[in-house]
C-alpha cells in the first residue's frame, strides 16, 4: 500500500468516526476529549506528514471549486472555551486555503 492509500485510509477512518450522522441523536459526550484514534506520540511525524498532505489537497480542491464557480464547501468550526486552541488549529488546517476564495460568517 502506498503513502497516498495509507493517507486516505487514515483520513477516512477519522472522518467516518467523527462524522455526525445521527442528527438530533448526536451527543458530543459520546466522544471522550482524550480520544486519539489509536495514534500515539511516536506517530507525530506521520501525523505532521498527513497534515501537510491534507493542506495541499484542500488547496487543490479549492482551486477546482473556485474555477467551476458552481459549488461551495461549508466548513463549520468548533466551539470550545477560550484559550482552548481553536485559533491555532484553524490556522494550521486552513493554511493552504486562499483567503480570496473564502467567505466567513459569524453565527
N, C-alpha and C. Protein backbone atom coordinates (compact mmCIF):
# COMPACT_ATOMS: atom_id res chain seq x y z
N UNK A 1 0.85 -1.17 0.00
CA UNK A 1 0.00 0.00 0.00
C UNK A 1 0.89 1.23 0.00
N UNK A 2 0.64 2.15 -0.94
CA UNK A 2 1.48 3.34 -1.00
C UNK A 2 1.02 4.40 0.01
N UNK A 3 1.82 5.47 0.12
CA UNK A 3 1.54 6.51 1.12
C UNK A 3 0.18 7.16 0.89
N UNK A 4 -0.18 7.36 -0.38
CA UNK A 4 -1.46 8.01 -0.67
C UNK A 4 -2.63 7.17 -0.18
N UNK A 5 -2.57 5.86 -0.40
CA UNK A 5 -3.64 4.98 0.06
C UNK A 5 -3.70 4.94 1.58
N UNK A 6 -2.53 4.89 2.23
CA UNK A 6 -2.49 4.90 3.69
C UNK A 6 -3.11 6.19 4.23
N UNK A 7 -2.77 7.32 3.56
CA UNK A 7 -3.29 8.61 3.98
C UNK A 7 -4.81 8.62 3.86
N UNK A 8 -5.33 8.12 2.74
CA UNK A 8 -6.77 8.10 2.54
C UNK A 8 -7.44 7.19 3.57
N UNK A 9 -6.78 6.08 3.90
CA UNK A 9 -7.35 5.18 4.89
C UNK A 9 -7.40 5.84 6.27
N UNK A 10 -6.33 6.48 6.68
CA UNK A 10 -6.29 7.14 7.98
C UNK A 10 -7.30 8.28 8.02
N UNK A 11 -7.29 9.13 6.99
CA UNK A 11 -8.23 10.25 6.95
C UNK A 11 -9.66 9.73 6.91
N UNK A 12 -9.90 8.68 6.15
CA UNK A 12 -11.24 8.10 6.05
C UNK A 12 -11.72 7.53 7.37
N UNK A 13 -10.83 6.88 8.09
CA UNK A 13 -11.21 6.32 9.40
C UNK A 13 -11.57 7.44 10.37
N UNK A 14 -10.77 8.47 10.38
CA UNK A 14 -11.04 9.60 11.29
C UNK A 14 -12.33 10.29 10.88
N UNK A 15 -12.48 10.50 9.59
CA UNK A 15 -13.68 11.17 9.07
C UNK A 15 -14.94 10.38 9.44
N UNK A 16 -14.92 9.09 9.18
CA UNK A 16 -16.11 8.28 9.47
C UNK A 16 -16.40 8.21 10.97
N UNK A 17 -15.35 8.22 11.77
CA UNK A 17 -15.55 8.12 13.21
C UNK A 17 -16.21 9.37 13.78
N UNK A 18 -15.80 10.53 13.28
CA UNK A 18 -16.30 11.79 13.84
C UNK A 18 -17.45 12.42 13.03
N UNK A 19 -17.84 11.80 11.96
CA UNK A 19 -18.92 12.32 11.12
C UNK A 19 -20.25 12.27 11.88
N UNK A 20 -20.99 13.36 11.86
CA UNK A 20 -22.29 13.42 12.53
C UNK A 20 -23.34 12.90 11.57
N UNK A 21 -23.92 11.75 11.89
CA UNK A 21 -24.95 11.16 11.03
C UNK A 21 -26.28 11.00 11.76
N UNK A 22 -26.25 11.11 13.08
CA UNK A 22 -27.45 10.85 13.86
C UNK A 22 -28.33 12.08 14.03
N UNK A 23 -27.88 13.23 13.58
CA UNK A 23 -28.68 14.45 13.70
C UNK A 23 -29.04 14.76 15.14
N UNK A 24 -30.31 14.71 15.44
CA UNK A 24 -30.78 15.06 16.79
C UNK A 24 -30.25 14.12 17.85
N UNK A 25 -29.87 12.92 17.48
CA UNK A 25 -29.37 11.94 18.45
C UNK A 25 -27.87 12.07 18.73
N UNK A 26 -27.19 12.99 18.05
CA UNK A 26 -25.76 13.17 18.27
C UNK A 26 -25.51 13.79 19.64
N UNK A 27 -24.57 13.23 20.37
CA UNK A 27 -24.19 13.76 21.67
C UNK A 27 -22.67 13.83 21.73
N UNK A 28 -22.15 15.02 21.92
CA UNK A 28 -20.71 15.22 21.97
C UNK A 28 -20.08 14.43 23.10
N UNK A 29 -20.81 14.21 24.18
CA UNK A 29 -20.26 13.48 25.32
C UNK A 29 -19.95 12.02 24.98
N UNK A 30 -20.40 11.55 23.80
CA UNK A 30 -20.07 10.19 23.36
C UNK A 30 -18.60 10.08 22.94
N UNK A 31 -17.95 11.21 22.79
CA UNK A 31 -16.57 11.24 22.32
C UNK A 31 -15.67 11.78 23.42
N UNK A 32 -14.90 10.93 24.08
CA UNK A 32 -14.02 11.39 25.16
C UNK A 32 -13.02 12.43 24.62
N UNK A 33 -12.77 13.50 25.35
CA UNK A 33 -11.86 14.54 24.86
C UNK A 33 -10.41 14.07 24.70
N UNK A 34 -10.06 12.98 25.34
CA UNK A 34 -8.68 12.48 25.22
C UNK A 34 -8.55 11.37 24.19
N UNK A 35 -9.57 11.19 23.37
CA UNK A 35 -9.55 10.14 22.36
C UNK A 35 -8.51 10.46 21.28
N UNK A 36 -7.72 9.46 20.89
CA UNK A 36 -6.65 9.69 19.93
C UNK A 36 -6.76 8.82 18.68
N UNK A 37 -7.82 8.04 18.56
CA UNK A 37 -8.00 7.14 17.41
C UNK A 37 -6.82 6.18 17.26
N UNK A 38 -6.21 5.83 18.37
CA UNK A 38 -5.11 4.87 18.35
C UNK A 38 -3.76 5.49 18.01
N UNK A 39 -3.72 6.78 17.76
CA UNK A 39 -2.46 7.44 17.45
C UNK A 39 -1.72 7.73 18.75
N UNK A 40 -0.40 7.59 18.68
CA UNK A 40 0.44 7.79 19.87
C UNK A 40 1.46 8.89 19.59
N UNK A 41 2.10 9.40 20.65
CA UNK A 41 3.11 10.45 20.44
C UNK A 41 4.19 10.04 19.43
N UNK A 42 4.51 8.76 19.36
CA UNK A 42 5.54 8.33 18.41
C UNK A 42 5.07 8.47 16.96
N UNK A 43 3.75 8.64 16.74
CA UNK A 43 3.19 8.80 15.40
C UNK A 43 3.22 10.26 14.93
N UNK A 44 3.75 11.16 15.75
CA UNK A 44 3.72 12.58 15.44
C UNK A 44 4.32 12.92 14.06
N UNK A 45 5.45 12.34 13.67
CA UNK A 45 5.98 12.64 12.33
C UNK A 45 5.00 12.25 11.21
N UNK A 46 4.34 11.14 11.38
CA UNK A 46 3.35 10.69 10.38
C UNK A 46 2.17 11.65 10.35
N UNK A 47 1.74 12.08 11.51
CA UNK A 47 0.61 13.00 11.60
C UNK A 47 0.96 14.33 10.95
N UNK A 48 2.17 14.82 11.16
CA UNK A 48 2.59 16.06 10.53
C UNK A 48 2.61 15.92 9.02
N UNK A 49 3.06 14.78 8.55
CA UNK A 49 3.07 14.50 7.11
C UNK A 49 1.63 14.48 6.57
N UNK A 50 0.74 13.88 7.32
CA UNK A 50 -0.68 13.83 6.93
C UNK A 50 -1.26 15.24 6.86
N UNK A 51 -0.91 16.09 7.81
CA UNK A 51 -1.42 17.46 7.83
C UNK A 51 -0.95 18.22 6.60
N UNK A 52 0.32 18.10 6.25
CA UNK A 52 0.86 18.78 5.07
C UNK A 52 0.15 18.28 3.81
N UNK A 53 -0.03 16.98 3.70
CA UNK A 53 -0.72 16.42 2.53
C UNK A 53 -2.18 16.87 2.49
N UNK A 54 -2.82 16.93 3.63
CA UNK A 54 -4.21 17.37 3.68
C UNK A 54 -4.36 18.83 3.29
N UNK A 55 -3.43 19.66 3.72
CA UNK A 55 -3.44 21.07 3.36
C UNK A 55 -3.27 21.24 1.85
N UNK A 56 -2.37 20.46 1.27
CA UNK A 56 -2.16 20.51 -0.18
C UNK A 56 -3.43 20.08 -0.92
N UNK A 57 -4.07 19.05 -0.40
CA UNK A 57 -5.30 18.57 -1.02
C UNK A 57 -6.41 19.61 -0.92
N UNK A 58 -6.54 20.28 0.23
CA UNK A 58 -7.54 21.35 0.37
C UNK A 58 -7.29 22.47 -0.64
N UNK A 59 -6.03 22.84 -0.82
CA UNK A 59 -5.69 23.91 -1.77
C UNK A 59 -6.09 23.50 -3.19
N UNK A 60 -5.80 22.26 -3.57
CA UNK A 60 -6.16 21.78 -4.91
C UNK A 60 -7.68 21.75 -5.10
N UNK A 61 -8.37 21.27 -4.10
CA UNK A 61 -9.83 21.21 -4.20
C UNK A 61 -10.44 22.60 -4.25
N UNK A 62 -9.88 23.54 -3.50
CA UNK A 62 -10.39 24.91 -3.54
C UNK A 62 -10.23 25.50 -4.94
N UNK A 63 -9.09 25.24 -5.56
CA UNK A 63 -8.87 25.75 -6.93
C UNK A 63 -9.91 25.21 -7.88
N UNK A 64 -10.22 23.93 -7.78
CA UNK A 64 -11.23 23.32 -8.66
C UNK A 64 -12.61 23.93 -8.43
N UNK A 65 -12.99 24.05 -7.17
CA UNK A 65 -14.31 24.60 -6.85
C UNK A 65 -14.40 26.06 -7.28
N UNK A 66 -13.36 26.81 -7.06
CA UNK A 66 -13.36 28.23 -7.40
C UNK A 66 -13.44 28.40 -8.91
N UNK A 67 -12.73 27.56 -9.64
CA UNK A 67 -12.73 27.65 -11.10
C UNK A 67 -14.11 27.32 -11.67
N UNK A 68 -14.81 26.38 -11.07
CA UNK A 68 -16.14 25.99 -11.55
C UNK A 68 -17.18 27.05 -11.22
N UNK A 69 -16.99 27.78 -10.12
CA UNK A 69 -17.92 28.81 -9.67
C UNK A 69 -19.36 28.30 -9.60
N UNK A 70 -19.50 27.05 -9.15
CA UNK A 70 -20.83 26.45 -9.07
C UNK A 70 -21.11 25.85 -7.70
N UNK A 71 -20.09 25.28 -7.09
CA UNK A 71 -20.26 24.60 -5.83
C UNK A 71 -19.48 25.30 -4.73
N UNK A 72 -19.82 25.00 -3.51
CA UNK A 72 -19.12 25.58 -2.37
C UNK A 72 -19.00 24.54 -1.27
N UNK A 73 -18.15 24.82 -0.33
CA UNK A 73 -17.97 23.94 0.83
C UNK A 73 -18.25 24.78 2.08
N UNK A 74 -19.06 24.24 2.94
CA UNK A 74 -19.30 24.90 4.22
C UNK A 74 -18.46 24.19 5.27
N UNK A 75 -17.56 24.92 5.85
CA UNK A 75 -16.71 24.36 6.90
C UNK A 75 -17.14 24.94 8.23
N UNK A 76 -17.55 24.10 9.11
CA UNK A 76 -18.02 24.55 10.41
C UNK A 76 -16.89 24.40 11.41
N UNK A 77 -16.59 25.49 12.04
CA UNK A 77 -15.58 25.45 13.07
C UNK A 77 -16.19 24.83 14.32
N UNK A 78 -15.42 24.73 15.35
CA UNK A 78 -15.92 24.08 16.55
C UNK A 78 -15.96 25.07 17.70
N UNK A 79 -16.74 24.71 18.67
CA UNK A 79 -16.91 25.58 19.82
C UNK A 79 -16.15 25.01 21.01
N UNK A 80 -15.33 25.84 21.62
CA UNK A 80 -14.57 25.47 22.81
C UNK A 80 -14.47 26.67 23.72
N UNK A 81 -14.02 26.43 24.91
CA UNK A 81 -13.76 27.53 25.84
C UNK A 81 -12.62 28.39 25.30
N UNK A 82 -12.54 29.62 25.78
CA UNK A 82 -11.43 30.49 25.39
C UNK A 82 -10.10 29.85 25.75
N UNK A 83 -9.10 30.11 24.94
CA UNK A 83 -7.74 29.60 25.13
C UNK A 83 -7.66 28.08 25.02
N UNK A 84 -8.59 27.49 24.25
CA UNK A 84 -8.59 26.03 24.08
C UNK A 84 -7.81 25.59 22.85
N UNK A 85 -7.31 26.54 22.07
CA UNK A 85 -6.52 26.17 20.90
C UNK A 85 -7.27 26.24 19.59
N UNK A 86 -8.45 26.83 19.56
CA UNK A 86 -9.24 26.90 18.34
C UNK A 86 -8.49 27.66 17.24
N UNK A 87 -7.98 28.84 17.57
CA UNK A 87 -7.34 29.68 16.56
C UNK A 87 -6.15 28.99 15.90
N UNK A 88 -5.31 28.38 16.70
CA UNK A 88 -4.13 27.74 16.12
C UNK A 88 -4.51 26.51 15.30
N UNK A 89 -5.53 25.79 15.73
CA UNK A 89 -5.98 24.62 14.96
C UNK A 89 -6.52 25.06 13.60
N UNK A 90 -7.37 26.07 13.61
CA UNK A 90 -7.93 26.57 12.36
C UNK A 90 -6.82 27.13 11.47
N UNK A 91 -5.88 27.83 12.07
CA UNK A 91 -4.75 28.39 11.31
C UNK A 91 -3.97 27.29 10.60
N UNK A 92 -3.68 26.19 11.30
CA UNK A 92 -2.93 25.10 10.68
C UNK A 92 -3.73 24.42 9.58
N UNK A 93 -4.97 24.10 9.86
CA UNK A 93 -5.78 23.35 8.89
C UNK A 93 -6.08 24.19 7.65
N UNK A 94 -6.36 25.46 7.84
CA UNK A 94 -6.76 26.31 6.73
C UNK A 94 -5.58 27.05 6.09
N UNK A 95 -4.36 26.74 6.46
CA UNK A 95 -3.20 27.48 5.96
C UNK A 95 -3.00 27.33 4.46
N UNK A 96 -3.53 26.30 3.85
CA UNK A 96 -3.37 26.12 2.40
C UNK A 96 -4.48 26.75 1.59
N UNK A 97 -5.45 27.35 2.26
CA UNK A 97 -6.60 27.93 1.58
C UNK A 97 -6.31 29.37 1.19
N UNK A 98 -6.71 29.74 -0.01
CA UNK A 98 -6.55 31.11 -0.47
C UNK A 98 -7.70 31.94 0.10
N UNK A 99 -7.41 32.95 0.91
CA UNK A 99 -8.47 33.74 1.53
C UNK A 99 -9.36 34.47 0.53
N UNK A 100 -8.84 34.74 -0.68
CA UNK A 100 -9.65 35.42 -1.69
C UNK A 100 -10.81 34.56 -2.16
N UNK A 101 -10.72 33.25 -1.96
CA UNK A 101 -11.78 32.35 -2.37
C UNK A 101 -12.67 31.94 -1.22
N UNK A 102 -12.65 32.70 -0.13
CA UNK A 102 -13.42 32.33 1.06
C UNK A 102 -14.36 33.44 1.48
N UNK A 103 -15.42 33.02 2.13
CA UNK A 103 -16.32 33.96 2.80
C UNK A 103 -16.48 33.42 4.21
N UNK A 104 -16.41 34.32 5.18
CA UNK A 104 -16.51 33.91 6.59
C UNK A 104 -17.74 34.58 7.18
N UNK A 105 -18.52 33.77 7.88
CA UNK A 105 -19.72 34.28 8.52
C UNK A 105 -19.72 33.89 9.99
N UNK A 106 -20.06 34.81 10.81
CA UNK A 106 -20.18 34.57 12.24
C UNK A 106 -21.61 34.19 12.55
N UNK A 107 -21.80 33.28 13.47
CA UNK A 107 -23.18 32.93 13.85
C UNK A 107 -23.23 32.58 15.30
